[in-house]
Amino acid sequence: MTLEVLGFWVLAIVLVGSALAVVTTKNLFHSVLWLALALTGTAGIFLMLNAEFLAGVQILLYAGGVVTVVVFAIVVTEKLVGTRLAHTSRRVWLGGAVAAGFLGLLMSILAGVPLPMAPIPMTEDPTRLIGTAFLTRFLLPFELLAVLLLVSLLAASYLARPEE
């Protein structure tokens, strides 16, 4: 077993374990922390695939930005409600059965498709391709997302401020 395969399996176990902890933990704040670990593990997978830019975006936007916004939302909601938030997972067995069925379907599809064992050589810099696509073809959705995130952060900070 090579170091790359061992690293993949470690990251896979971390990802699956933290994803299960997200949906089974009763404390909402702890679920968000497990989500941050799952998103960081995903960045590790991107690093193993030599997609450094995507790993950085995963850490900055998702593990950093989105988790921060969700923590703000939890804090604001707990302040407004006045009690500690908890959530319950209903129909866990049904969700597990659906997930197992979907996993079986994916495995049966992937078993019939020949996958290349060697990495596909990159002809151009992927970071340059992503940047060009964001600043030309996807400029409007990119800017709208930035405005949406800014407005949500401003609203969360406004709601979290102490009342006078």
Protein backbone atom coordinates (compact mmCIF):
# COMPACT_ATOMS: atom_id res chain seq x y z
CA MET A 1 0.00 0.00 0.00
CA THR A 2 1.49 3.30 -1.08
CA LEU A 3 1.47 6.48 0.97
CA GLU A 4 -1.00 8.04 -1.46
CA VAL A 5 -3.51 5.21 -1.02
CA LEU A 6 -3.08 5.32 2.75
CA GLY A 7 -3.67 9.09 2.75
CA PHE A 8 -6.79 8.67 0.67
CA TRP A 9 -8.24 6.09 3.05
CA VAL A 10 -7.45 8.22 6.08
CA LEU A 11 -9.19 11.20 4.47
CA ALA A 12 -12.10 9.00 3.39
CA ILE A 13 -12.60 7.73 6.95
CA VAL A 14 -12.40 11.29 8.31
CA LEU A 15 -14.91 12.49 5.71
CA VAL A 16 -17.43 9.72 6.26
CA GLY A 17 -17.08 9.88 10.04
CA SER A 18 -17.46 13.64 10.23
CA ALA A 19 -20.39 13.59 7.78
CA LEU A 20 -22.15 11.02 9.96
CA ALA A 21 -21.38 13.12 13.03
CA VAL A 22 -22.96 16.16 11.35
CA VAL A 23 -26.32 14.43 11.04
CA THR A 24 -26.26 12.42 14.28
CA THR A 25 -25.00 15.03 16.76
CA LYS A 26 -27.83 16.62 18.73
CA ASN A 27 -26.01 19.89 19.52
CA LEU A 28 -26.29 22.18 16.52
CA PHE A 29 -23.01 23.98 17.23
CA HIS A 30 -21.14 20.66 17.39
CA SER A 31 -22.71 19.68 14.07
CA VAL A 32 -21.26 22.82 12.49
CA LEU A 33 -17.81 21.94 13.86
CA TRP A 34 -18.08 18.46 12.35
CA LEU A 35 -19.14 20.11 9.08
CA ALA A 36 -15.98 22.22 9.17
CA LEU A 37 -13.92 19.04 9.58
CA ALA A 38 -15.73 17.41 6.64
CA LEU A 39 -15.09 20.44 4.44
CA THR A 40 -11.43 20.49 5.45
CA GLY A 41 -11.16 16.79 4.61
CA THR A 42 -12.60 17.57 1.20
CA ALA A 43 -9.83 20.13 0.74
CA GLY A 44 -7.37 17.35 1.55
CA ILE A 45 -8.87 15.24 -1.24
CA PHE A 46 -8.45 18.19 -3.62
CA LEU A 47 -4.80 18.44 -2.59
CA MET A 48 -4.30 14.77 -3.36
CA LEU A 49 -5.75 15.41 -6.82
CA ASN A 50 -3.23 18.25 -7.41
CA ALA A 51 -6.01 20.85 -7.38
CA GLU A 52 -4.36 23.31 -5.01
CA PHE A 53 -6.56 26.23 -6.02
CA LEU A 54 -9.75 24.29 -5.33
CA ALA A 55 -8.35 23.17 -1.97
CA GLY A 56 -7.64 26.79 -1.06
CA VAL A 57 -11.10 27.88 -2.14
CA GLN A 58 -12.61 25.01 -0.16
CA ILE A 59 -10.79 26.13 2.99
CA LEU A 60 -11.39 29.87 2.55
CA LEU A 61 -14.96 29.90 1.30
CA TYR A 62 -16.56 26.83 2.79
CA ALA A 63 -14.60 25.80 5.87
CA GLY A 64 -13.97 29.46 6.70
CA GLY A 65 -16.75 31.60 5.29
CA VAL A 66 -19.82 29.40 5.26
CA VAL A 67 -19.10 27.84 8.65
CA THR A 68 -18.58 31.33 10.11
CA VAL A 69 -21.93 32.50 8.74
CA VAL A 70 -23.66 29.41 10.14
CA VAL A 71 -22.05 29.98 13.55
CA PHE A 72 -23.27 33.60 13.43
CA ALA A 73 -26.76 32.34 12.60
CA ILE A 74 -26.70 29.89 15.52
CA VAL A 75 -25.50 32.56 17.95
CA VAL A 76 -28.10 35.08 16.76
CA THR A 77 -30.91 32.54 16.85
CA GLU A 78 -29.95 31.35 20.33
CA LYS A 79 -29.89 34.97 21.48
CA LEU A 80 -33.33 35.67 19.99
CA VAL A 81 -34.89 32.43 21.20
CA GLY A 82 -33.14 32.43 24.57
CA THR A 83 -32.43 28.70 24.72
CA ARG A 84 -29.70 26.43 23.43
CA LEU A 85 -30.57 25.01 20.02
CA ALA A 86 -30.64 21.27 19.46
CA HIS A 87 -31.89 19.23 16.57
CA THR A 88 -33.13 15.72 16.26
CA SER A 89 -32.63 13.40 13.35
CA ARG A 90 -35.93 11.85 12.43
CA ARG A 91 -36.24 8.74 10.32
CA VAL A 92 -32.57 7.87 10.63
CA TRP A 93 -33.18 4.33 9.43
CA LEU A 94 -35.02 5.52 6.33
CA GLY A 95 -32.21 7.97 5.54
CA GLY A 96 -29.63 5.22 6.06
CA ALA A 97 -31.54 2.88 3.76
CA VAL A 98 -31.79 5.54 1.04
CA ALA A 99 -28.07 6.33 1.41
CA ALA A 100 -27.17 2.64 1.24
CA GLY A 101 -29.32 2.20 -1.86
CA PHE A 102 -27.72 5.22 -3.51
CA LEU A 103 -24.25 3.91 -2.62
CA GLY A 104 -25.15 0.52 -4.12
CA LEU A 105 -26.39 2.20 -7.29
CA LEU A 106 -23.20 4.25 -7.60
CA MET A 107 -20.99 1.22 -6.99
CA SER A 108 -22.86 -0.84 -9.60
CA ILE A 109 -22.49 1.97 -12.15
CA LEU A 110 -18.80 2.49 -11.38
CA ALA A 111 -18.11 -1.25 -11.53
CA GLY A 112 -19.12 -1.30 -15.20
CA VAL A 113 -17.08 1.74 -16.25
CA PRO A 114 -13.35 1.40 -16.91
CA LEU A 115 -11.54 4.08 -14.92
CA PRO A 116 -8.07 5.29 -15.96
CA MET A 117 -5.36 4.37 -13.46
CA ALA A 118 -2.89 7.01 -14.64
CA PRO A 119 -3.58 10.68 -14.03
CA ILE A 120 -4.72 12.69 -17.01
CA PRO A 121 -2.02 15.18 -18.02
CA MET A 122 -3.00 18.84 -17.76
CA THR A 123 -2.26 20.88 -20.86
CA GLU A 124 -3.04 24.28 -19.28
CA ASP A 125 -2.89 25.78 -15.82
CA PRO A 126 -6.23 24.90 -14.14
CA THR A 127 -6.10 28.00 -11.94
CA ARG A 128 -5.88 30.21 -15.02
CA LEU A 129 -8.83 28.39 -16.64
CA ILE A 130 -10.98 28.78 -13.51
CA GLY A 131 -10.06 32.46 -13.16
CA THR A 132 -10.81 33.16 -16.81
CA ALA A 133 -14.18 31.43 -16.54
CA PHE A 134 -15.10 33.39 -13.38
CA LEU A 135 -14.17 36.74 -14.87
CA THR A 136 -15.78 36.20 -18.27
CA ARG A 137 -18.53 33.60 -18.54
CA PHE A 138 -19.62 33.45 -14.87
CA LEU A 139 -18.99 37.07 -13.83
CA LEU A 140 -22.61 37.96 -13.02
CA PRO A 141 -23.33 34.92 -10.78
CA PHE A 142 -19.94 35.40 -9.11
CA GLU A 143 -20.71 39.04 -8.27
CA LEU A 144 -24.27 38.25 -7.16
CA LEU A 145 -22.93 35.60 -4.79
CA ALA A 146 -20.46 38.11 -3.35
CA VAL A 147 -23.27 40.63 -2.74
CA LEU A 148 -25.46 37.93 -1.18
CA LEU A 149 -22.71 36.88 1.23
CA LEU A 150 -22.00 40.51 2.14
CA VAL A 151 -25.67 41.22 2.85
CA SER A 152 -26.01 38.06 4.96
CA LEU A 153 -22.94 38.98 7.03
CA LEU A 154 -24.25 42.52 7.56
CA ALA A 155 -27.67 41.21 8.57
CA ALA A 156 -26.15 38.71 11.00
CA SER A 157 -23.98 41.38 12.61
CA TYR A 158 -26.98 43.74 12.85
CA LEU A 159 -29.10 41.08 14.55
CA ALA A 160 -26.28 40.04 16.88
CA ARG A 161 -25.61 43.53 18.23
CA PRO A 162 -26.77 44.30 21.76
CA GLU A 163 -30.08 46.05 22.08
CA GLU A 164 -30.02 49.60 23.36
